[in-house]
């Protein structure tokens, strides 16, 4: 039993198949297979939890990652299956999240495709405080996950568009500090690549985003508050 959990909604081309032996790292893996893929025995053995469910990403997570599962962990990370990231990077993100009291964070993008410029790595910066992170690769503390997971399957399509508004509202993180006293951050010290082009299906993204904006009375279109986002270096101990 590890202290942290990584959740991947995975199809046949999921990049987590490249990870190899994970026994020395600080996280368990939950794989939710959304297509007809039957992974090799080696890949299956790397997963502590293996589910098959063909729904949308965040609906899959809400159904499969129950309280009995996630309550065992200090941190829960969610990554898309087209994210190219080393297991060592995930391991170190969990360490940094605990050290810095991050309630919600994500590694930044150092190559590949992106939707929001705020998610691109800033050289020379260890992390940037933010009001929220994006849905591609969020890492939650257990208390933050518990405060946010109820909303994962409430939108019309459950794909995740607009969930940033829900997370910011339910964590009260408008100024980068959550209601629990932890922080929200983009981590520039540890990076990943998003390998596939971002495809926005308007018939899905627009109603889901509108749902969360209306639910939480959000009057701004842009979810990331650039006045909040400031960079920091970690002081050596």
C-alpha atoms as a PDB file:
ATOM      1  CA  UNK A   1       0.000   0.000   0.000  1.00  0.00           C
ATOM      2  CA  UNK A   2       1.489   3.323  -1.121  1.00  0.00           C
ATOM      3  CA  UNK A   3       0.619   6.800   0.174  1.00  0.00           C
ATOM      4  CA  UNK A   4      -0.563   8.132  -3.189  1.00  0.00           C
ATOM      5  CA  UNK A   5      -2.772   7.051  -6.075  1.00  0.00           C
ATOM      6  CA  UNK A   6      -2.576   7.775  -9.813  1.00  0.00           C
ATOM      7  CA  UNK A   7      -5.791   7.310 -11.806  1.00  0.00           C
ATOM      8  CA  UNK A   8      -5.639   6.809 -15.594  1.00  0.00           C
ATOM      9  CA  UNK A   9      -8.622   6.494 -17.905  1.00  0.00           C
ATOM     10  CA  UNK A  10      -6.843   4.432 -20.522  1.00  0.00           C
ATOM     11  CA  UNK A  11      -7.382   3.222 -24.067  1.00  0.00           C
ATOM     12  CA  UNK A  12      -5.313   0.963 -26.301  1.00  0.00           C
ATOM     13  CA  UNK A  13      -2.613   3.586 -26.910  1.00  0.00           C
ATOM     14  CA  UNK A  14      -2.245   4.697 -23.300  1.00  0.00           C
ATOM     15  CA  UNK A  15       1.294   5.865 -22.619  1.00  0.00           C
ATOM     16  CA  UNK A  16       1.335   4.383 -19.137  1.00  0.00           C
ATOM     17  CA  UNK A  17       2.207   1.095 -20.845  1.00  0.00           C
ATOM     18  CA  UNK A  18       5.772   2.426 -21.178  1.00  0.00           C
ATOM     19  CA  UNK A  19       6.344   2.861 -17.459  1.00  0.00           C
ATOM     20  CA  UNK A  20       7.855  -0.497 -16.555  1.00  0.00           C
ATOM     21  CA  UNK A  21       8.510  -1.504 -12.955  1.00  0.00           C
ATOM     22  CA  UNK A  22       6.790   0.831 -10.475  1.00  0.00           C
ATOM     23  CA  UNK A  23       7.634  -0.982  -7.265  1.00  0.00           C
ATOM     24  CA  UNK A  24      10.126   1.639  -6.055  1.00  0.00           C
ATOM     25  CA  UNK A  25       7.777   4.617  -6.450  1.00  0.00           C
ATOM     26  CA  UNK A  26       5.421   6.169  -3.912  1.00  0.00           C
ATOM     27  CA  UNK A  27       2.109   5.637  -5.718  1.00  0.00           C
ATOM     28  CA  UNK A  28      -0.400   2.945  -6.583  1.00  0.00           C
ATOM     29  CA  UNK A  29      -2.073   2.926  -9.991  1.00  0.00           C
ATOM     30  CA  UNK A  30      -5.763   2.666 -10.850  1.00  0.00           C
ATOM     31  CA  UNK A  31      -6.498   2.034 -14.536  1.00  0.00           C
ATOM     32  CA  UNK A  32     -10.015   2.544 -15.874  1.00  0.00           C
ATOM     33  CA  UNK A  33     -10.188   0.996 -19.357  1.00  0.00           C
ATOM     34  CA  UNK A  34     -12.703   2.850 -21.518  1.00  0.00           C
ATOM     35  CA  UNK A  35     -12.436   0.708 -24.681  1.00  0.00           C
ATOM     36  CA  UNK A  36     -12.005  -2.992 -25.466  1.00  0.00           C
ATOM     37  CA  UNK A  37      -8.275  -3.106 -24.737  1.00  0.00           C
ATOM     38  CA  UNK A  38      -6.989  -6.165 -22.892  1.00  0.00           C
ATOM     39  CA  UNK A  39      -3.616  -5.095 -21.534  1.00  0.00           C
ATOM     40  CA  UNK A  40      -0.691  -7.461 -21.246  1.00  0.00           C
ATOM     41  CA  UNK A  41      -0.165  -9.299 -17.970  1.00  0.00           C
ATOM     42  CA  UNK A  42       2.873  -7.106 -17.218  1.00  0.00           C
ATOM     43  CA  UNK A  43       0.836  -3.896 -17.537  1.00  0.00           C
ATOM     44  CA  UNK A  44      -2.045  -5.367 -15.531  1.00  0.00           C
ATOM     45  CA  UNK A  45       0.311  -6.282 -12.715  1.00  0.00           C
ATOM     46  CA  UNK A  46       1.395  -2.657 -12.384  1.00  0.00           C
ATOM     47  CA  UNK A  47      -2.187  -1.629 -11.557  1.00  0.00           C
ATOM     48  CA  UNK A  48      -3.481  -2.082  -8.028  1.00  0.00           C
ATOM     49  CA  UNK A  49      -6.986  -1.387  -9.341  1.00  0.00           C
ATOM     50  CA  UNK A  50      -8.234  -2.296 -12.818  1.00  0.00           C
ATOM     51  CA  UNK A  51     -11.722  -1.386 -14.049  1.00  0.00           C
ATOM     52  CA  UNK A  52     -13.535  -1.532 -17.374  1.00  0.00           C
ATOM     53  CA  UNK A  53     -16.092   1.213 -17.883  1.00  0.00           C
ATOM     54  CA  UNK A  54     -16.864   2.898 -21.192  1.00  0.00           C
ATOM     55  CA  UNK A  55     -18.252   6.203 -19.949  1.00  0.00           C
ATOM     56  CA  UNK A  56     -16.706   9.699 -20.106  1.00  0.00           C
ATOM     57  CA  UNK A  57     -13.513  10.356 -18.180  1.00  0.00           C
ATOM     58  CA  UNK A  58     -14.781  12.033 -15.033  1.00  0.00           C
ATOM     59  CA  UNK A  59     -17.940   9.941 -14.905  1.00  0.00           C
ATOM     60  CA  UNK A  60     -15.668   6.874 -15.004  1.00  0.00           C
ATOM     61  CA  UNK A  61     -13.595   8.234 -12.138  1.00  0.00           C
ATOM     62  CA  UNK A  62     -16.618   9.073  -9.997  1.00  0.00           C
ATOM     63  CA  UNK A  63     -18.052   5.582 -10.500  1.00  0.00           C
ATOM     64  CA  UNK A  64     -14.866   3.576 -10.019  1.00  0.00           C
ATOM     65  CA  UNK A  65     -12.747   5.541  -7.540  1.00  0.00           C
ATOM     66  CA  UNK A  66     -15.049   5.287  -4.570  1.00  0.00           C
ATOM     67  CA  UNK A  67     -14.502   6.736  -1.104  1.00  0.00           C
ATOM     68  CA  UNK A  68     -13.354   3.328   0.127  1.00  0.00           C
ATOM     69  CA  UNK A  69     -10.509   3.537  -2.392  1.00  0.00           C
ATOM     70  CA  UNK A  70      -9.422   7.171  -2.384  1.00  0.00           C
ATOM     71  CA  UNK A  71      -9.750   7.658   1.384  1.00  0.00           C
ATOM     72  CA  UNK A  72      -6.751   5.347   1.849  1.00  0.00           C
ATOM     73  CA  UNK A  73      -4.401   7.831   0.157  1.00  0.00           C
ATOM     74  CA  UNK A  74      -2.832  11.179   1.040  1.00  0.00           C
ATOM     75  CA  UNK A  75      -2.910  12.393  -2.583  1.00  0.00           C
ATOM     76  CA  UNK A  76      -4.834  11.359  -5.694  1.00  0.00           C
ATOM     77  CA  UNK A  77      -3.559  12.290  -9.160  1.00  0.00           C
ATOM     78  CA  UNK A  78      -5.454  11.997 -12.440  1.00  0.00           C
ATOM     79  CA  UNK A  79      -3.626  11.915 -15.770  1.00  0.00           C
ATOM     80  CA  UNK A  80      -4.830  11.602 -19.343  1.00  0.00           C
ATOM     81  CA  UNK A  81      -3.598   8.563 -21.228  1.00  0.00           C
ATOM     82  CA  UNK A  82      -1.805  10.687 -23.844  1.00  0.00           C
ATOM     83  CA  UNK A  83       0.444  12.358 -21.256  1.00  0.00           C
ATOM     84  CA  UNK A  84       4.125  11.484 -21.655  1.00  0.00           C
ATOM     85  CA  UNK A  85       5.530  11.611 -18.135  1.00  0.00           C
ATOM     86  CA  UNK A  86       8.125   9.586 -16.247  1.00  0.00           C
ATOM     87  CA  UNK A  87       7.064   7.638 -13.144  1.00  0.00           C
ATOM     88  CA  UNK A  88       9.906   9.400 -11.302  1.00  0.00           C
ATOM     89  CA  UNK A  89       8.274  12.737 -12.144  1.00  0.00           C
ATOM     90  CA  UNK A  90       4.936  11.592 -10.723  1.00  0.00           C
ATOM     91  CA  UNK A  91       6.739  10.325  -7.629  1.00  0.00           C
ATOM     92  CA  UNK A  92       8.448  13.709  -7.158  1.00  0.00           C
ATOM     93  CA  UNK A  93       5.231  15.684  -7.727  1.00  0.00           C
ATOM     94  CA  UNK A  94       3.644  13.785  -4.848  1.00  0.00           C
ATOM     95  CA  UNK A  95       6.652  14.529  -2.629  1.00  0.00           C
ATOM     96  CA  UNK A  96       6.571  18.226  -3.506  1.00  0.00           C
ATOM     97  CA  UNK A  97       2.790  18.431  -3.044  1.00  0.00           C
ATOM     98  CA  UNK A  98       3.082  17.138   0.508  1.00  0.00           C
ATOM     99  CA  UNK A  99       6.162  19.247   1.323  1.00  0.00           C
ATOM    100  CA  UNK A 100       4.562  22.467   0.085  1.00  0.00           C
ATOM    101  CA  UNK A 101       1.027  21.758   1.357  1.00  0.00           C
ATOM    102  CA  UNK A 102      -0.560  21.795  -2.095  1.00  0.00           C
ATOM    103  CA  UNK A 103      -4.235  20.875  -2.078  1.00  0.00           C
ATOM    104  CA  UNK A 104      -4.431  20.992  -5.875  1.00  0.00           C
ATOM    105  CA  UNK A 105      -1.521  21.056  -8.313  1.00  0.00           C
ATOM    106  CA  UNK A 106      -0.166  19.784 -11.606  1.00  0.00           C
ATOM    107  CA  UNK A 107       3.168  19.390 -13.380  1.00  0.00           C
ATOM    108  CA  UNK A 108       3.560  21.820 -16.263  1.00  0.00           C
ATOM    109  CA  UNK A 109       3.870  21.205 -19.991  1.00  0.00           C
ATOM    110  CA  UNK A 110       7.347  21.255 -21.479  1.00  0.00           C
ATOM    111  CA  UNK A 111       6.503  20.338 -25.052  1.00  0.00           C
ATOM    112  CA  UNK A 112       3.595  18.842 -26.933  1.00  0.00           C
ATOM    113  CA  UNK A 113       0.142  20.386 -27.198  1.00  0.00           C
ATOM    114  CA  UNK A 114      -1.608  22.710 -24.785  1.00  0.00           C
ATOM    115  CA  UNK A 115      -4.866  24.618 -24.308  1.00  0.00           C
ATOM    116  CA  UNK A 116      -3.867  27.248 -21.744  1.00  0.00           C
ATOM    117  CA  UNK A 117      -0.566  29.177 -21.753  1.00  0.00           C
ATOM    118  CA  UNK A 118      -0.558  29.200 -17.947  1.00  0.00           C
ATOM    119  CA  UNK A 119       0.208  25.472 -18.033  1.00  0.00           C
ATOM    120  CA  UNK A 120       3.485  25.889 -19.958  1.00  0.00           C
ATOM    121  CA  UNK A 121       6.693  25.464 -17.942  1.00  0.00           C
ATOM    122  CA  UNK A 122       8.348  28.680 -16.756  1.00  0.00           C
ATOM    123  CA  UNK A 123      12.162  28.210 -16.716  1.00  0.00           C
ATOM    124  CA  UNK A 124      13.864  29.035 -13.436  1.00  0.00           C
ATOM    125  CA  UNK A 125      10.647  28.716 -11.439  1.00  0.00           C
ATOM    126  CA  UNK A 126       9.842  25.820  -9.095  1.00  0.00           C
ATOM    127  CA  UNK A 127       6.108  26.480  -8.821  1.00  0.00           C
ATOM    128  CA  UNK A 128       3.467  29.148  -9.375  1.00  0.00           C
ATOM    129  CA  UNK A 129       0.517  29.736  -7.090  1.00  0.00           C
ATOM    130  CA  UNK A 130      -2.772  29.726  -9.014  1.00  0.00           C
ATOM    131  CA  UNK A 131      -6.476  29.818  -8.315  1.00  0.00           C
ATOM    132  CA  UNK A 132      -7.003  26.497 -10.122  1.00  0.00           C
ATOM    133  CA  UNK A 133      -5.317  23.972 -12.447  1.00  0.00           C
ATOM    134  CA  UNK A 134      -6.675  22.367 -15.583  1.00  0.00           C
ATOM    135  CA  UNK A 135      -8.434  19.034 -16.002  1.00  0.00           C
ATOM    136  CA  UNK A 136      -5.662  17.264 -17.936  1.00  0.00           C
ATOM    137  CA  UNK A 137      -3.482  16.293 -14.986  1.00  0.00           C
ATOM    138  CA  UNK A 138      -4.737  17.444 -11.567  1.00  0.00           C
ATOM    139  CA  UNK A 139      -3.241  16.192  -8.316  1.00  0.00           C
ATOM    140  CA  UNK A 140      -5.512  16.523  -5.256  1.00  0.00           C
ATOM    141  CA  UNK A 141      -4.890  16.162  -1.559  1.00  0.00           C
ATOM    142  CA  UNK A 142      -7.382  13.709  -0.069  1.00  0.00           C
ATOM    143  CA  UNK A 143      -9.313  16.545   1.552  1.00  0.00           C
ATOM    144  CA  UNK A 144      -9.475  18.471  -1.725  1.00  0.00           C
ATOM    145  CA  UNK A 145     -10.524  15.388  -3.702  1.00  0.00           C
ATOM    146  CA  UNK A 146     -13.244  14.726  -1.161  1.00  0.00           C
ATOM    147  CA  UNK A 147     -14.487  18.307  -1.585  1.00  0.00           C
ATOM    148  CA  UNK A 148     -14.551  18.110  -5.391  1.00  0.00           C
ATOM    149  CA  UNK A 149     -15.304  14.546  -6.493  1.00  0.00           C
ATOM    150  CA  UNK A 150     -19.080  14.823  -5.960  1.00  0.00           C
ATOM    151  CA  UNK A 151     -19.241  17.121  -9.019  1.00  0.00           C
ATOM    152  CA  UNK A 152     -17.301  14.868 -11.404  1.00  0.00           C
ATOM    153  CA  UNK A 153     -20.418  13.307 -12.937  1.00  0.00           C
ATOM    154  CA  UNK A 154     -22.951  16.118 -12.635  1.00  0.00           C
ATOM    155  CA  UNK A 155     -22.473  17.902 -15.975  1.00  0.00           C
ATOM    156  CA  UNK A 156     -24.404  16.787 -19.073  1.00  0.00           C
ATOM    157  CA  UNK A 157     -21.518  14.840 -20.619  1.00  0.00           C
ATOM    158  CA  UNK A 158     -19.063  14.291 -17.761  1.00  0.00           C
ATOM    159  CA  UNK A 159     -16.043  14.916 -19.949  1.00  0.00           C
ATOM    160  CA  UNK A 160     -14.615  17.442 -17.499  1.00  0.00           C
ATOM    161  CA  UNK A 161     -14.968  20.701 -19.385  1.00  0.00           C
ATOM    162  CA  UNK A 162     -15.637  23.486 -16.910  1.00  0.00           C
ATOM    163  CA  UNK A 163     -14.751  21.478 -13.809  1.00  0.00           C
ATOM    164  CA  UNK A 164     -12.106  24.107 -13.046  1.00  0.00           C
ATOM    165  CA  UNK A 165     -14.947  26.416 -11.991  1.00  0.00           C
ATOM    166  CA  UNK A 166     -16.261  23.764  -9.642  1.00  0.00           C
ATOM    167  CA  UNK A 167     -12.845  23.128  -8.102  1.00  0.00           C
ATOM    168  CA  UNK A 168     -12.134  26.815  -7.551  1.00  0.00           C
ATOM    169  CA  UNK A 169     -15.549  27.347  -5.972  1.00  0.00           C
ATOM    170  CA  UNK A 170     -15.589  24.268  -3.763  1.00  0.00           C
ATOM    171  CA  UNK A 171     -12.013  24.788  -2.578  1.00  0.00           C
ATOM    172  CA  UNK A 172     -12.564  28.569  -2.200  1.00  0.00           C
ATOM    173  CA  UNK A 173      -9.185  28.970  -3.891  1.00  0.00           C
ATOM    174  CA  UNK A 174      -9.832  32.319  -5.588  1.00  0.00           C
ATOM    175  CA  UNK A 175      -6.598  33.754  -4.160  1.00  0.00           C
ATOM    176  CA  UNK A 176      -4.511  30.583  -4.484  1.00  0.00           C
ATOM    177  CA  UNK A 177      -5.179  29.355  -0.930  1.00  0.00           C
ATOM    178  CA  UNK A 178      -7.888  26.757  -0.301  1.00  0.00           C
ATOM    179  CA  UNK A 179     -10.426  26.685   2.498  1.00  0.00           C
ATOM    180  CA  UNK A 180      -8.189  24.071   4.143  1.00  0.00           C
ATOM    181  CA  UNK A 181      -5.215  26.415   4.222  1.00  0.00           C
ATOM    182  CA  UNK A 182      -3.299  24.616   1.482  1.00  0.00           C
ATOM    183  CA  UNK A 183      -2.230  26.021  -1.874  1.00  0.00           C
ATOM    184  CA  UNK A 184      -3.046  25.545  -5.552  1.00  0.00           C
ATOM    185  CA  UNK A 185      -0.035  25.437  -7.851  1.00  0.00           C
ATOM    186  CA  UNK A 186       1.456  24.819 -11.263  1.00  0.00           C
ATOM    187  CA  UNK A 187       4.698  22.905 -10.695  1.00  0.00           C
ATOM    188  CA  UNK A 188       7.418  24.088 -13.090  1.00  0.00           C
ATOM    189  CA  UNK A 189      10.132  21.966 -11.494  1.00  0.00           C
ATOM    190  CA  UNK A 190       8.515  18.787 -12.826  1.00  0.00           C
ATOM    191  CA  UNK A 191       7.203  18.586 -16.365  1.00  0.00           C
ATOM    192  CA  UNK A 192       5.279  16.435 -18.828  1.00  0.00           C
ATOM    193  CA  UNK A 193       4.273  16.449 -22.490  1.00  0.00           C
ATOM    194  CA  UNK A 194       0.774  16.244 -23.955  1.00  0.00           C
ATOM    195  CA  UNK A 195       1.309  14.158 -27.070  1.00  0.00           C
ATOM    196  CA  UNK A 196      -2.025  14.440 -28.916  1.00  0.00           C
ATOM    197  CA  UNK A 197      -3.585  17.603 -30.350  1.00  0.00           C
ATOM    198  CA  UNK A 198      -6.297  19.154 -28.222  1.00  0.00           C
ATOM    199  CA  UNK A 199      -9.660  18.496 -29.870  1.00  0.00           C
ATOM    200  CA  UNK A 200     -12.563  20.471 -28.464  1.00  0.00           C
ATOM    201  CA  UNK A 201     -15.952  18.984 -29.340  1.00  0.00           C
ATOM    202  CA  UNK A 202     -18.228  21.996 -29.025  1.00  0.00           C
ATOM    203  CA  UNK A 203     -21.367  19.907 -28.626  1.00  0.00           C
ATOM    204  CA  UNK A 204     -19.750  18.488 -25.453  1.00  0.00           C
ATOM    205  CA  UNK A 205     -17.514  21.281 -24.188  1.00  0.00           C
ATOM    206  CA  UNK A 206     -19.994  24.145 -24.447  1.00  0.00           C
ATOM    207  CA  UNK A 207     -22.897  22.617 -22.457  1.00  0.00           C
ATOM    208  CA  UNK A 208     -20.553  21.146 -19.826  1.00  0.00           C
ATOM    209  CA  UNK A 209     -18.699  24.433 -19.316  1.00  0.00           C
ATOM    210  CA  UNK A 210     -21.960  26.403 -19.254  1.00  0.00           C
ATOM    211  CA  UNK A 211     -23.335  23.987 -16.657  1.00  0.00           C
ATOM    212  CA  UNK A 212     -20.533  24.743 -14.189  1.00  0.00           C
ATOM    213  CA  UNK A 213     -20.455  28.486 -14.915  1.00  0.00           C
ATOM    214  CA  UNK A 214     -24.194  28.715 -14.276  1.00  0.00           C
ATOM    215  CA  UNK A 215     -24.098  26.428 -11.231  1.00  0.00           C
ATOM    216  CA  UNK A 216     -21.443  28.520  -9.502  1.00  0.00           C
ATOM    217  CA  UNK A 217     -22.507  31.922 -10.847  1.00  0.00           C
ATOM    218  CA  UNK A 218     -19.159  32.476 -12.551  1.00  0.00           C
ATOM    219  CA  UNK A 219     -19.150  35.759 -14.444  1.00  0.00           C
ATOM    220  CA  UNK A 220     -15.765  35.391 -16.143  1.00  0.00           C
ATOM    221  CA  UNK A 221     -14.986  33.346 -19.217  1.00  0.00           C
ATOM    222  CA  UNK A 222     -11.304  32.829 -18.469  1.00  0.00           C
ATOM    223  CA  UNK A 223     -10.816  30.463 -15.560  1.00  0.00           C
ATOM    224  CA  UNK A 224      -7.187  31.229 -14.693  1.00  0.00           C
ATOM    225  CA  UNK A 225      -6.665  34.469 -12.762  1.00  0.00           C
ATOM    226  CA  UNK A 226      -3.375  35.908 -14.001  1.00  0.00           C
ATOM    227  CA  UNK A 227      -3.341  38.377 -11.096  1.00  0.00           C
ATOM    228  CA  UNK A 228      -3.092  35.416  -8.707  1.00  0.00           C
ATOM    229  CA  UNK A 229      -0.463  33.411 -10.601  1.00  0.00           C
ATOM    230  CA  UNK A 230       2.979  34.212  -9.168  1.00  0.00           C
ATOM    231  CA  UNK A 231       6.206  32.212  -9.304  1.00  0.00           C
ATOM    232  CA  UNK A 232       8.324  30.909  -6.444  1.00  0.00           C
ATOM    233  CA  UNK A 233      11.594  29.106  -5.812  1.00  0.00           C
ATOM    234  CA  UNK A 234      11.840  26.532  -3.034  1.00  0.00           C
ATOM    235  CA  UNK A 235      14.396  27.513  -0.428  1.00  0.00           C
ATOM    236  CA  UNK A 236      17.010  24.833   0.188  1.00  0.00           C
ATOM    237  CA  UNK A 237      16.726  23.287   3.617  1.00  0.00           C
END
